[in-house]
């Protein structure tokens, strides 16, 4: 183990090596591909770690980083931010549209245990009629919570 490598970094690196060796180069290449609903609906999604964290406006007009679930239309696609512990993480199972509401159903983890840290995972959601979406609901472990709409701007320190 490298001198300054954290346990999480080591585990992630080891899992990546094992997956590539066990599954072969084709499966390793597919790990970054966009996913789609099994019922062939239009919506697709892919995780994008290069997207910035969504922002929200708080009292006094300050723009701050959004700590929870959020969404923001980005033209032809929607940026979706999921919040939760880094282990087991939040993974999308399916996305459907109910009228003007986009419903994002998360995969049920193998265990109910979750780390106490905060991990924000950014997704690109595309393929459907983005302009018709007025709200996003995240369904996690049977509970439906409305995601907050993000605002334009960059987070800045409140003075």
Protein backbone atom coordinates (compact mmCIF):
# COMPACT_ATOMS: atom_id res chain seq x y z
CA UNK A 1 0.00 0.00 0.00
CA UNK A 2 1.31 3.47 -0.87
CA UNK A 3 2.52 5.56 2.04
CA UNK A 4 -0.32 8.10 1.84
CA UNK A 5 -3.07 5.96 0.32
CA UNK A 6 -6.31 5.88 2.31
CA UNK A 7 -8.14 2.65 2.97
CA UNK A 8 -11.00 3.75 0.68
CA UNK A 9 -8.58 4.52 -2.18
CA UNK A 10 -6.88 1.16 -1.73
CA UNK A 11 -10.19 -0.75 -1.73
CA UNK A 12 -11.43 1.13 -4.82
CA UNK A 13 -8.20 0.45 -6.70
CA UNK A 14 -8.18 -3.22 -5.69
CA UNK A 15 -11.82 -3.68 -6.74
CA UNK A 16 -11.12 -2.08 -10.12
CA UNK A 17 -8.18 -4.41 -10.76
CA UNK A 18 -10.16 -7.50 -9.71
CA UNK A 19 -13.17 -6.50 -11.88
CA UNK A 20 -10.99 -5.89 -14.93
CA UNK A 21 -9.15 -9.19 -14.46
CA UNK A 22 -12.27 -11.25 -13.77
CA UNK A 23 -14.57 -9.73 -16.37
CA UNK A 24 -12.13 -9.08 -19.19
CA UNK A 25 -11.49 -5.96 -21.24
CA UNK A 26 -14.97 -5.82 -22.80
CA UNK A 27 -16.74 -5.62 -19.43
CA UNK A 28 -14.16 -3.18 -18.09
CA UNK A 29 -14.80 -0.91 -21.07
CA UNK A 30 -18.54 -1.11 -20.51
CA UNK A 31 -18.29 0.12 -16.92
CA UNK A 32 -18.49 3.75 -18.10
CA UNK A 33 -21.40 3.28 -20.51
CA UNK A 34 -24.79 4.93 -20.11
CA UNK A 35 -27.50 2.76 -18.57
CA UNK A 36 -31.10 2.47 -19.68
CA UNK A 37 -34.36 1.23 -18.17
CA UNK A 38 -35.12 -2.44 -18.74
CA UNK A 39 -38.58 -1.53 -20.08
CA UNK A 40 -37.01 0.38 -23.01
CA UNK A 41 -38.37 3.78 -21.91
CA UNK A 42 -36.54 6.78 -23.29
CA UNK A 43 -34.60 7.91 -20.22
CA UNK A 44 -30.91 6.98 -19.92
CA UNK A 45 -28.37 7.94 -17.28
CA UNK A 46 -24.65 7.89 -16.71
CA UNK A 47 -22.53 8.92 -13.76
CA UNK A 48 -20.33 11.93 -14.51
CA UNK A 49 -17.78 12.82 -11.84
CA UNK A 50 -16.71 15.89 -13.85
CA UNK A 51 -20.01 17.70 -13.30
CA UNK A 52 -19.93 20.46 -10.68
CA UNK A 53 -21.91 20.14 -7.47
CA UNK A 54 -25.35 21.73 -7.80
CA UNK A 55 -25.98 25.05 -6.04
CA UNK A 56 -28.94 26.50 -4.17
CA UNK A 57 -29.88 29.94 -2.89
CA UNK A 58 -30.21 30.45 0.86
CA UNK A 59 -31.57 33.34 2.92
CA UNK A 60 -29.77 36.59 2.23
CA UNK A 61 -29.31 35.63 -1.41
CA UNK A 62 -26.11 33.65 -0.92
CA UNK A 63 -25.42 30.83 -3.40
CA UNK A 64 -24.07 27.70 -1.68
CA UNK A 65 -23.33 24.09 -2.62
CA UNK A 66 -26.44 21.91 -2.36
CA UNK A 67 -25.85 19.15 0.23
CA UNK A 68 -28.76 16.89 -0.74
CA UNK A 69 -30.59 15.42 -3.71
CA UNK A 70 -31.06 17.94 -6.50
CA UNK A 71 -31.62 18.40 -10.21
CA UNK A 72 -31.18 21.05 -12.87
CA UNK A 73 -32.12 21.06 -16.56
CA UNK A 74 -29.05 21.59 -18.76
CA UNK A 75 -30.63 22.01 -22.19
CA UNK A 76 -30.94 18.55 -23.77
CA UNK A 77 -30.20 16.68 -20.52
CA UNK A 78 -30.79 16.92 -16.76
CA UNK A 79 -28.09 17.02 -14.11
CA UNK A 80 -29.13 14.82 -11.19
CA UNK A 81 -27.30 14.91 -7.87
CA UNK A 82 -27.79 12.06 -5.39
CA UNK A 83 -26.70 12.38 -1.78
CA UNK A 84 -25.80 9.59 0.63
CA UNK A 85 -23.01 7.69 2.30
CA UNK A 86 -20.05 6.66 0.17
CA UNK A 87 -20.63 3.03 1.13
CA UNK A 88 -22.79 1.54 -0.34
CA UNK A 89 -23.35 4.65 -2.51
CA UNK A 90 -26.46 5.59 -4.48
CA UNK A 91 -27.08 3.78 -7.75
CA UNK A 92 -30.02 4.31 -10.12
CA UNK A 93 -32.18 1.30 -10.96
CA UNK A 94 -34.77 2.97 -13.21
CA UNK A 95 -36.10 6.36 -14.32
CA UNK A 96 -39.72 6.87 -15.35
CA UNK A 97 -41.86 9.91 -16.04
CA UNK A 98 -45.25 10.44 -14.38
CA UNK A 99 -46.77 13.49 -16.06
CA UNK A 100 -44.34 16.35 -15.42
CA UNK A 101 -42.51 14.49 -12.63
CA UNK A 102 -39.39 12.44 -13.25
CA UNK A 103 -39.24 9.49 -10.83
CA UNK A 104 -35.75 8.15 -10.10
CA UNK A 105 -35.82 4.74 -8.39
CA UNK A 106 -32.61 3.76 -6.62
CA UNK A 107 -31.26 0.23 -6.32
CA UNK A 108 -31.77 -1.34 -2.93
CA UNK A 109 -28.37 -1.99 -1.37
CA UNK A 110 -27.46 -5.45 -0.08
CA UNK A 111 -27.26 -4.08 3.45
CA UNK A 112 -29.03 -1.30 5.34
CA UNK A 113 -25.69 -0.21 6.81
CA UNK A 114 -24.36 3.06 5.42
CA UNK A 115 -21.30 5.16 6.18
CA UNK A 116 -21.85 8.47 7.95
CA UNK A 117 -19.93 10.55 5.42
CA UNK A 118 -21.63 12.63 2.71
CA UNK A 119 -21.04 11.58 -0.87
CA UNK A 120 -22.59 13.52 -3.77
CA UNK A 121 -22.92 11.54 -7.00
CA UNK A 122 -23.63 13.45 -10.22
CA UNK A 123 -25.52 11.92 -13.16
CA UNK A 124 -26.41 13.01 -16.71
CA UNK A 125 -30.00 12.02 -17.44
CA UNK A 126 -31.10 12.22 -21.08
CA UNK A 127 -33.24 10.66 -23.77
CA UNK A 128 -36.67 11.89 -22.72
CA UNK A 129 -38.55 15.18 -23.07
CA UNK A 130 -36.43 17.34 -20.75
CA UNK A 131 -38.59 20.45 -21.29
CA UNK A 132 -41.66 18.67 -19.85
CA UNK A 133 -39.99 17.89 -16.50
CA UNK A 134 -41.13 20.22 -13.70
CA UNK A 135 -40.02 18.18 -10.68
CA UNK A 136 -37.90 15.16 -9.76
CA UNK A 137 -38.73 12.60 -7.09
CA UNK A 138 -36.13 10.16 -5.76
CA UNK A 139 -37.50 6.82 -4.56
CA UNK A 140 -35.14 5.19 -2.09
CA UNK A 141 -36.06 2.11 0.00
CA UNK A 142 -39.77 2.71 -0.66
CA UNK A 143 -39.68 6.36 0.42
CA UNK A 144 -40.32 9.12 -2.15
CA UNK A 145 -38.58 12.47 -1.61
CA UNK A 146 -38.70 15.48 -3.91
CA UNK A 147 -35.28 16.62 -5.14
CA UNK A 148 -34.52 20.33 -4.94
CA UNK A 149 -34.17 22.39 -8.11
CA UNK A 150 -30.64 23.78 -8.47
CA UNK A 151 -29.88 27.40 -9.36
CA UNK A 152 -27.35 29.01 -11.69
CA UNK A 153 -24.18 30.31 -10.13
CA UNK A 154 -21.14 29.16 -8.23
CA UNK A 155 -20.95 28.55 -4.52
CA UNK A 156 -19.23 31.43 -2.78
CA UNK A 157 -18.38 32.23 0.79
CA UNK A 158 -20.95 34.25 2.74
CA UNK A 159 -19.44 37.43 4.15
